[in-house]
Amino acid sequence: MDGETVAEGRVAVTHIPGRELPPEDIVVVAPPSPPLPLRLVYLVAGIGLFVTALGLMKAGATALIPTLEGSVFTDNAWSTLGVGWLGACVVLSGSPVAASALALLDGGAIDRTQSFTMLTGSRLGAAFVVLVVGVVYAVRRTGTSGRRAPISIGILALLMTAGVYVPGAVVGYVALDGGLLDGFDIGTSPGLTSLTDKLFGWAVDLLAGLLPGWLLFPVGVGVLLAGFALFDKVLPSMGSSRLEARADAWYTRRWPMFLVGLGVTVLTLSVSVSLTLLVPLVAKGYLRRANTLPYIAGANITTLVDTLVAAILLGNQDGVRVVLAVTLAVTVWTLGLLTFAYPALRRFCLGFARAALRSPPRLAAFTVVLLMVPLTLIAV
């Protein structure tokens, strides 16, 4: 066993030797676990809050469509790329921004190319929520080294997303602009509605009727964080020494983790939610940061499932083709990276995260650059 653990009561301090990342002492305070029935209630309530939050933010994005039409935010493809990126950072979710890209296309406010870049931007900005939540989660922890784990997950999510979506977007744009998907049509099914929408859609309708459209964005963000707090209660604490003792477990292998990322994102219909789940899992010792990259890669593929459903429901075939162009290109590129370049990709991402976390100024500079890039794109 590589880790050395010193425990006293419900407090355990585990020293993890450095590998790709610096060594760190992880302090885990294990509160009494709630009984199983109560944890199931927390889980269902948390999922309900997550779904409600996404619905609120989507409704808020729709309310902003008239404001965006013909403005500096939608005058060219670079601007819509920046809007998608910055918008996902601001609302801490890529789903409402992706839905807005389709709604703007359907309403004629932007063309197919602009919708494509806005959708791509929403994916680049969606991982920002993981960095924000990681920082919030880290504030609750004791010791500088113990705070690195949740924050580093946000950096890894951002790096992996950019490494997949930037090259993938180039391939997808060529396919879309060349008309390779023009003959692809999917029939619209008006009755296609997810079970979660049926269960929790009433809350969105109620709040949308009571609140002005612009206020739905911040309310949705607050509901999302509340859902995360409930989900956090479901996970019992687990010492890192227990994780290290199972180095040959399935979650240390790339393809099982890749499939889990695919599945969890399909179930939650949000990459922001599925990636955010990594924060407590890593912080509580269920996963090592080095093993999360395949999960992130899988999540980035199936994140567009709900957007594809939205495009089908809108009945706009150009919208369907836009989503397919992004999804197919990203899928092919991701499989190639994991098959042929995973060790090098892993070393690069972990090394970058280590460098960014060496000091608070470096982390601040990384965050500022992350926000300045979309602002620059909008101004182009």
Protein backbone atom coordinates (compact mmCIF):
# COMPACT_ATOMS: atom_id res chain seq x y z
CA MET A 1 0.00 0.00 0.00
CA ASP A 2 1.43 3.33 -1.06
CA GLY A 3 -0.50 5.55 1.34
CA GLU A 4 0.17 5.78 5.08
CA THR A 5 -2.83 6.48 7.30
CA VAL A 6 -2.99 7.80 10.86
CA ALA A 7 -6.47 7.65 12.38
CA GLU A 8 -7.97 8.91 15.60
CA GLY A 9 -11.67 8.49 16.16
CA ARG A 10 -13.50 9.62 13.04
CA VAL A 11 -10.55 11.73 11.84
CA ALA A 12 -8.01 10.17 9.48
CA VAL A 13 -4.92 11.74 7.91
CA THR A 14 -3.65 9.87 4.85
CA HIS A 15 -0.32 10.69 3.22
CA ILE A 16 -0.30 10.02 -0.53
CA PRO A 17 3.18 9.95 -2.11
CA GLY A 18 3.66 12.01 -5.25
CA ARG A 19 3.40 10.40 -8.65
CA GLU A 20 2.16 12.62 -11.46
CA LEU A 21 1.07 15.16 -8.82
CA PRO A 22 2.88 16.39 -5.66
CA PRO A 23 2.51 14.39 -2.43
CA GLU A 24 -0.33 15.46 -0.20
CA ASP A 25 -1.89 14.83 3.19
CA ILE A 26 -5.62 14.24 2.97
CA VAL A 27 -7.63 14.90 6.13
CA VAL A 28 -10.94 13.06 6.25
CA VAL A 29 -13.48 13.64 9.00
CA ALA A 30 -16.05 10.89 8.81
CA PRO A 31 -19.46 12.05 10.08
CA PRO A 32 -22.05 9.44 11.03
CA SER A 33 -23.59 8.12 7.82
CA PRO A 34 -27.34 8.70 7.51
CA PRO A 35 -29.49 5.55 7.27
CA LEU A 36 -30.06 4.07 3.82
CA PRO A 37 -33.73 5.19 3.47
CA LEU A 38 -32.74 8.80 4.23
CA ARG A 39 -29.84 8.62 1.76
CA LEU A 40 -32.24 7.42 -0.94
CA VAL A 41 -34.48 10.41 -0.17
CA TYR A 42 -31.47 12.73 -0.48
CA LEU A 43 -30.54 11.10 -3.80
CA VAL A 44 -34.01 11.46 -5.35
CA ALA A 45 -34.37 15.02 -4.04
CA GLY A 46 -30.90 15.92 -5.34
CA ILE A 47 -31.67 14.58 -8.82
CA GLY A 48 -34.96 16.49 -8.76
CA LEU A 49 -33.17 19.72 -7.91
CA PHE A 50 -30.58 19.15 -10.64
CA VAL A 51 -33.26 18.57 -13.28
CA THR A 52 -35.28 21.55 -12.07
CA ALA A 53 -32.19 23.75 -12.19
CA LEU A 54 -31.47 22.80 -15.78
CA GLY A 55 -35.07 23.49 -16.74
CA LEU A 56 -34.97 26.92 -15.10
CA MET A 57 -31.75 27.88 -16.85
CA LYS A 58 -33.06 26.70 -20.20
CA ALA A 59 -36.20 28.78 -19.73
CA GLY A 60 -34.08 31.76 -18.79
CA ALA A 61 -31.96 31.32 -21.91
CA THR A 62 -35.08 31.27 -24.08
CA ALA A 63 -36.27 34.51 -22.50
CA LEU A 64 -33.04 36.20 -23.58
CA ILE A 65 -33.39 35.37 -27.28
CA PRO A 66 -34.96 38.74 -28.28
CA THR A 67 -32.12 40.58 -26.56
CA LEU A 68 -29.46 38.62 -28.43
CA GLU A 69 -30.93 38.97 -31.91
CA GLY A 70 -28.83 41.25 -34.10
CA SER A 71 -26.50 42.26 -31.28
CA VAL A 72 -22.70 42.14 -31.06
CA PHE A 73 -23.08 38.73 -29.45
CA THR A 74 -24.45 37.11 -32.62
CA ASP A 75 -22.92 39.06 -35.51
CA ASN A 76 -20.46 36.33 -36.59
CA ALA A 77 -19.36 32.76 -35.85
CA TRP A 78 -16.49 33.86 -33.56
CA SER A 79 -18.90 35.93 -31.47
CA THR A 80 -21.32 33.03 -31.03
CA LEU A 81 -18.39 30.78 -30.06
CA GLY A 82 -17.51 33.28 -27.33
CA VAL A 83 -21.14 33.65 -26.28
CA GLY A 84 -21.56 29.90 -25.92
CA TRP A 85 -18.33 29.64 -23.92
CA LEU A 86 -18.94 32.63 -21.66
CA GLY A 87 -22.63 31.87 -21.24
CA ALA A 88 -21.89 28.35 -19.97
CA CYS A 89 -19.34 29.80 -17.54
CA VAL A 90 -21.81 32.39 -16.24
CA VAL A 91 -24.77 30.05 -15.74
CA LEU A 92 -22.53 27.14 -14.65
CA SER A 93 -24.17 24.84 -17.18
CA GLY A 94 -23.76 24.16 -20.87
CA SER A 95 -27.24 22.69 -21.37
CA PRO A 96 -29.23 25.97 -21.41
CA VAL A 97 -26.68 27.58 -23.72
CA ALA A 98 -26.76 24.61 -26.09
CA ALA A 99 -30.56 24.76 -26.11
CA SER A 100 -30.35 28.49 -26.81
CA ALA A 101 -28.12 27.82 -29.82
CA LEU A 102 -30.84 25.63 -31.31
CA ALA A 103 -33.63 28.03 -30.39
CA LEU A 104 -31.78 30.96 -31.99
CA LEU A 105 -31.22 28.88 -35.13
CA ASP A 106 -34.84 27.84 -35.26
CA GLY A 107 -35.96 31.46 -34.81
CA GLY A 108 -33.63 32.71 -37.55
CA ALA A 109 -31.52 34.85 -35.22
CA ILE A 110 -28.33 32.98 -36.21
CA ASP A 111 -27.35 30.70 -39.09
CA ARG A 112 -26.24 27.08 -39.01
CA THR A 113 -22.54 27.86 -38.70
CA GLN A 114 -23.13 30.26 -35.82
CA SER A 115 -25.32 27.69 -34.07
CA PHE A 116 -22.51 25.15 -34.47
CA THR A 117 -19.89 27.43 -32.91
CA MET A 118 -22.23 28.49 -30.10
CA LEU A 119 -22.94 24.84 -29.31
CA THR A 120 -19.21 24.08 -29.30
CA GLY A 121 -18.57 27.06 -27.02
CA SER A 122 -21.20 25.81 -24.59
CA ARG A 123 -19.24 22.57 -24.22
CA LEU A 124 -15.98 24.43 -23.60
CA GLY A 125 -17.58 26.56 -20.88
CA ALA A 126 -19.63 23.80 -19.26
CA ALA A 127 -16.60 22.33 -17.47
CA PHE A 128 -16.09 25.67 -15.72
CA VAL A 129 -18.77 24.65 -13.23
CA VAL A 130 -16.47 21.86 -12.01
CA LEU A 131 -13.73 24.37 -11.24
CA VAL A 132 -16.17 26.64 -9.40
CA VAL A 133 -17.66 23.80 -7.38
CA GLY A 134 -14.18 22.44 -6.71
CA VAL A 135 -13.11 25.78 -5.23
CA VAL A 136 -16.28 25.97 -3.12
CA TYR A 137 -15.76 22.41 -1.94
CA ALA A 138 -12.09 23.06 -1.17
CA VAL A 139 -12.90 26.00 1.08
CA ARG A 140 -14.67 23.56 3.39
CA ARG A 141 -11.57 21.39 3.74
CA THR A 142 -8.65 21.71 6.13
CA GLY A 143 -5.06 22.22 4.96
CA THR A 144 -3.67 23.52 1.69
CA SER A 145 -2.74 20.11 0.29
CA GLY A 146 -6.18 18.74 1.13
CA ARG A 147 -7.72 21.45 -1.04
CA ARG A 148 -5.80 20.57 -4.18
CA ALA A 149 -7.83 17.48 -5.06
CA PRO A 150 -11.28 19.07 -5.64
CA ILE A 151 -9.81 22.10 -7.47
CA SER A 152 -7.61 19.94 -9.70
CA ILE A 153 -10.69 18.06 -10.94
CA GLY A 154 -11.98 21.33 -12.40
CA ILE A 155 -8.69 21.97 -14.18
CA LEU A 156 -8.56 18.42 -15.55
CA ALA A 157 -12.16 18.68 -16.78
CA LEU A 158 -11.38 21.95 -18.58
CA LEU A 159 -8.21 20.60 -20.18
CA MET A 160 -9.79 17.35 -21.31
CA THR A 161 -12.82 19.15 -22.73
CA ALA A 162 -10.68 21.62 -24.68
CA GLY A 163 -8.38 18.87 -25.92
CA VAL A 164 -11.34 17.01 -27.36
CA TYR A 165 -13.72 19.73 -28.53
CA VAL A 166 -11.29 22.14 -30.20
CA PRO A 167 -9.88 19.59 -32.71
CA GLY A 168 -13.27 17.88 -32.91
CA ALA A 169 -14.96 21.17 -33.77
CA VAL A 170 -12.64 21.67 -36.73
CA VAL A 171 -13.55 18.24 -38.13
CA GLY A 172 -17.24 18.78 -37.39
CA TYR A 173 -17.25 22.17 -39.10
CA VAL A 174 -15.68 20.72 -42.25
CA ALA A 175 -18.30 17.95 -42.31
CA LEU A 176 -21.17 20.36 -41.74
CA ASP A 177 -19.95 23.03 -44.17
CA GLY A 178 -19.22 20.39 -46.82
CA GLY A 179 -22.79 19.12 -46.68
CA LEU A 180 -21.87 15.61 -45.53
CA LEU A 181 -24.88 15.54 -43.18
CA ASP A 182 -27.37 17.39 -45.39
CA GLY A 183 -29.17 14.20 -46.34
CA PHE A 184 -29.61 13.10 -42.74
CA ASP A 185 -33.15 13.58 -41.38
CA ILE A 186 -34.73 12.47 -38.11
CA GLY A 187 -38.48 12.54 -37.75
CA THR A 188 -39.95 14.66 -34.97
CA SER A 189 -41.86 13.01 -32.15
CA PRO A 190 -43.87 15.59 -30.17
CA GLY A 191 -44.53 13.06 -27.43
CA LEU A 192 -40.84 12.50 -26.73
CA THR A 193 -40.33 13.67 -23.16
CA SER A 194 -37.97 12.30 -20.55
CA LEU A 195 -39.26 10.77 -17.35
CA THR A 196 -37.43 13.40 -15.32
CA ASP A 197 -39.26 16.19 -17.14
CA LYS A 198 -42.58 14.54 -16.32
CA LEU A 199 -41.65 14.21 -12.67
CA PHE A 200 -40.09 17.63 -12.09
CA GLY A 201 -41.26 19.82 -14.97
CA TRP A 202 -44.10 21.25 -12.86
CA ALA A 203 -41.59 23.07 -10.65
CA VAL A 204 -40.06 24.77 -13.67
CA ASP A 205 -43.47 25.80 -14.98
CA LEU A 206 -44.47 27.16 -11.57
CA LEU A 207 -41.35 29.29 -11.11
CA ALA A 208 -41.37 30.43 -14.74
CA GLY A 209 -44.89 31.75 -14.19
CA LEU A 210 -43.91 33.62 -11.02
CA LEU A 211 -40.47 35.04 -11.92
CA PRO A 212 -39.27 37.29 -14.75
CA GLY A 213 -37.25 35.49 -17.42
CA TRP A 214 -33.89 37.05 -16.54
CA LEU A 215 -34.20 35.91 -12.93
CA LEU A 216 -34.53 32.26 -13.89
CA PHE A 217 -30.77 32.07 -14.54
CA PRO A 218 -29.53 32.88 -11.01
CA VAL A 219 -32.38 30.93 -9.43
CA GLY A 220 -31.38 27.88 -11.51
CA VAL A 221 -27.77 28.19 -10.38
CA GLY A 222 -28.87 28.30 -6.74
CA VAL A 223 -31.07 25.23 -7.20
CA LEU A 224 -28.17 23.38 -8.83
CA LEU A 225 -25.87 24.03 -5.87
CA ALA A 226 -28.63 22.94 -3.49
CA GLY A 227 -28.94 19.69 -5.41
CA PHE A 228 -25.19 19.17 -5.11
CA ALA A 229 -25.41 19.69 -1.33
CA LEU A 230 -28.04 16.95 -1.09
CA PHE A 231 -26.04 14.57 -3.22
CA ASP A 232 -23.03 15.22 -1.00
CA LYS A 233 -25.03 13.77 1.91
CA VAL A 234 -25.51 10.51 0.01
CA LEU A 235 -21.78 9.76 -0.19
CA PRO A 236 -20.18 8.43 3.01
CA SER A 237 -16.58 9.41 3.69
CA MET A 238 -13.94 6.96 2.59
CA GLY A 239 -10.26 7.12 3.41
CA SER A 240 -7.76 7.34 0.56
CA SER A 241 -5.87 4.39 2.06
CA ARG A 242 -8.81 2.17 1.19
CA LEU A 243 -8.65 3.39 -2.37
CA GLU A 244 -4.91 2.85 -2.64
CA ALA A 245 -5.30 -0.71 -1.37
CA ARG A 246 -7.32 -1.51 -4.49
CA ALA A 247 -5.01 -0.28 -7.23
CA ASP A 248 -6.25 -3.00 -9.61
CA ALA A 249 -9.93 -2.03 -9.28
CA TRP A 250 -12.04 -1.40 -12.38
CA TYR A 251 -12.01 2.36 -11.83
CA THR A 252 -8.26 2.47 -12.43
CA ARG A 253 -8.73 1.32 -16.04
CA ARG A 254 -9.49 3.67 -18.89
CA TRP A 255 -12.29 1.89 -20.76
CA PRO A 256 -14.52 0.98 -17.78
CA MET A 257 -14.22 4.57 -16.55
CA PHE A 258 -14.96 5.81 -20.06
CA LEU A 259 -18.17 3.76 -20.14
CA VAL A 260 -19.19 5.02 -16.70
CA GLY A 261 -18.76 8.60 -17.89
CA LEU A 262 -20.95 7.82 -20.89
CA GLY A 263 -23.66 6.24 -18.76
CA VAL A 264 -23.78 8.76 -15.92
CA THR A 265 -24.11 11.67 -18.34
CA VAL A 266 -26.94 9.92 -20.20
CA LEU A 267 -28.76 9.40 -16.90
CA THR A 268 -28.29 12.96 -15.66
CA LEU A 269 -28.58 14.60 -19.12
CA SER A 270 -25.98 17.15 -18.08
CA VAL A 271 -22.20 17.06 -18.31
CA SER A 272 -22.06 19.75 -15.61
CA VAL A 273 -23.84 17.40 -13.22
CA SER A 274 -21.90 14.27 -14.15
CA LEU A 275 -18.52 16.01 -13.95
CA THR A 276 -19.44 17.78 -10.72
CA LEU A 277 -20.01 14.37 -9.15
CA LEU A 278 -16.26 13.76 -9.45
CA VAL A 279 -15.49 16.49 -6.90
CA PRO A 280 -16.81 14.69 -3.79
CA LEU A 281 -15.72 11.30 -5.14
CA VAL A 282 -12.11 12.44 -5.40
CA ALA A 283 -12.18 14.58 -2.25
CA LYS A 284 -13.57 11.68 -0.19
CA GLY A 285 -11.10 9.14 -1.53
CA TYR A 286 -13.26 7.13 -3.91
CA LEU A 287 -11.18 8.06 -6.97
CA ARG A 288 -7.70 9.30 -7.72
CA ARG A 289 -7.48 12.33 -9.95
CA ALA A 290 -5.30 10.45 -12.41
CA ASN A 291 -8.12 7.97 -13.10
CA THR A 292 -10.84 10.53 -13.91
CA LEU A 293 -9.72 11.53 -17.42
CA PRO A 294 -11.45 8.62 -19.26
CA TYR A 295 -14.64 9.38 -17.29
CA ILE A 296 -14.47 13.03 -18.39
CA ALA A 297 -13.88 11.93 -21.99
CA GLY A 298 -16.96 9.71 -21.94
CA ALA A 299 -19.10 12.39 -20.34
CA ASN A 300 -18.12 14.85 -23.06
CA ILE A 301 -19.57 12.55 -25.73
CA THR A 302 -23.02 11.82 -24.30
CA THR A 303 -23.50 15.33 -22.95
CA LEU A 304 -25.29 16.27 -26.18
CA VAL A 305 -28.01 13.62 -25.81
CA ASP A 306 -30.50 16.08 -24.33
CA THR A 307 -29.53 18.69 -26.94
CA LEU A 308 -30.18 16.18 -29.72
CA VAL A 309 -33.60 15.44 -28.23
CA ALA A 310 -34.30 19.19 -28.10
CA ALA A 311 -33.32 19.54 -31.76
CA ILE A 312 -35.66 16.70 -32.71
CA LEU A 313 -38.51 18.22 -30.72
CA LEU A 314 -37.97 21.58 -32.44
CA GLY A 315 -38.37 19.81 -35.78
CA ASN A 316 -35.48 21.78 -37.27
CA GLN A 317 -33.33 19.38 -39.31
CA ASP A 318 -30.44 21.87 -39.48
CA GLY A 319 -30.41 21.85 -35.69
CA VAL A 320 -30.25 18.05 -35.69
CA ARG A 321 -27.33 18.15 -38.15
CA VAL A 322 -25.47 20.69 -36.05
CA VAL A 323 -25.67 18.45 -32.97
CA LEU A 324 -24.69 15.36 -34.96
CA ALA A 325 -21.69 17.12 -36.51
CA VAL A 326 -20.33 18.01 -33.07
CA THR A 327 -21.12 14.61 -31.54
CA LEU A 328 -19.67 12.45 -34.31
CA ALA A 329 -16.47 14.46 -34.62
CA VAL A 330 -15.87 14.52 -30.87
CA THR A 331 -16.59 10.79 -30.56
CA VAL A 332 -14.08 9.80 -33.24
CA TRP A 333 -11.40 12.14 -31.86
CA THR A 334 -11.94 10.96 -28.28
CA LEU A 335 -11.68 7.27 -29.17
CA GLY A 336 -8.48 7.98 -31.08
CA LEU A 337 -6.93 9.85 -28.15
CA LEU A 338 -7.82 7.18 -25.59
CA THR A 339 -6.60 4.37 -27.86
CA PHE A 340 -3.33 5.79 -29.14
CA ALA A 341 -2.32 8.78 -27.00
CA TYR A 342 -3.77 8.24 -23.53
CA PRO A 343 -0.46 8.00 -21.56
CA ALA A 344 0.89 11.21 -23.11
CA LEU A 345 -2.45 12.98 -22.66
CA ARG A 346 -2.59 11.87 -19.03
CA ARG A 347 0.92 13.14 -18.30
CA PHE A 348 0.22 16.49 -19.94
CA CYS A 349 -3.09 17.13 -18.13
CA LEU A 350 -1.75 16.11 -14.73
CA GLY A 351 1.43 18.13 -15.24
CA PHE A 352 -0.55 21.22 -16.23
CA ALA A 353 -2.84 20.83 -13.20
CA ARG A 354 0.20 20.49 -10.94
CA ALA A 355 1.73 23.69 -12.37
CA ALA A 356 -1.54 25.65 -12.07
CA LEU A 357 -1.96 24.62 -8.42
CA ARG A 358 1.53 25.57 -7.25
CA SER A 359 0.31 28.93 -6.00
CA PRO A 360 -2.94 30.92 -5.72
CA PRO A 361 -1.69 33.55 -8.23
CA ARG A 362 -1.18 30.84 -10.86
CA LEU A 363 -4.67 29.49 -10.30
CA ALA A 364 -6.08 33.02 -10.49
CA ALA A 365 -4.19 33.66 -13.74
CA PHE A 366 -5.55 30.43 -15.21
CA THR A 367 -9.12 31.47 -14.32
CA VAL A 368 -8.68 34.98 -15.75
CA VAL A 369 -7.38 33.60 -19.06
CA LEU A 370 -10.28 31.18 -19.16
CA LEU A 371 -12.74 34.08 -18.97
CA MET A 372 -10.79 36.49 -21.19
CA VAL A 373 -10.67 34.15 -24.19
CA PRO A 374 -14.45 34.13 -24.80
CA LEU A 375 -14.65 37.88 -24.16
CA THR A 376 -12.00 38.39 -26.84
CA LEU A 377 -13.89 36.15 -29.25
CA ILE A 378 -17.08 38.16 -28.73
CA ALA A 379 -15.21 41.39 -29.46
CA VAL A 380 -13.74 40.07 -32.74
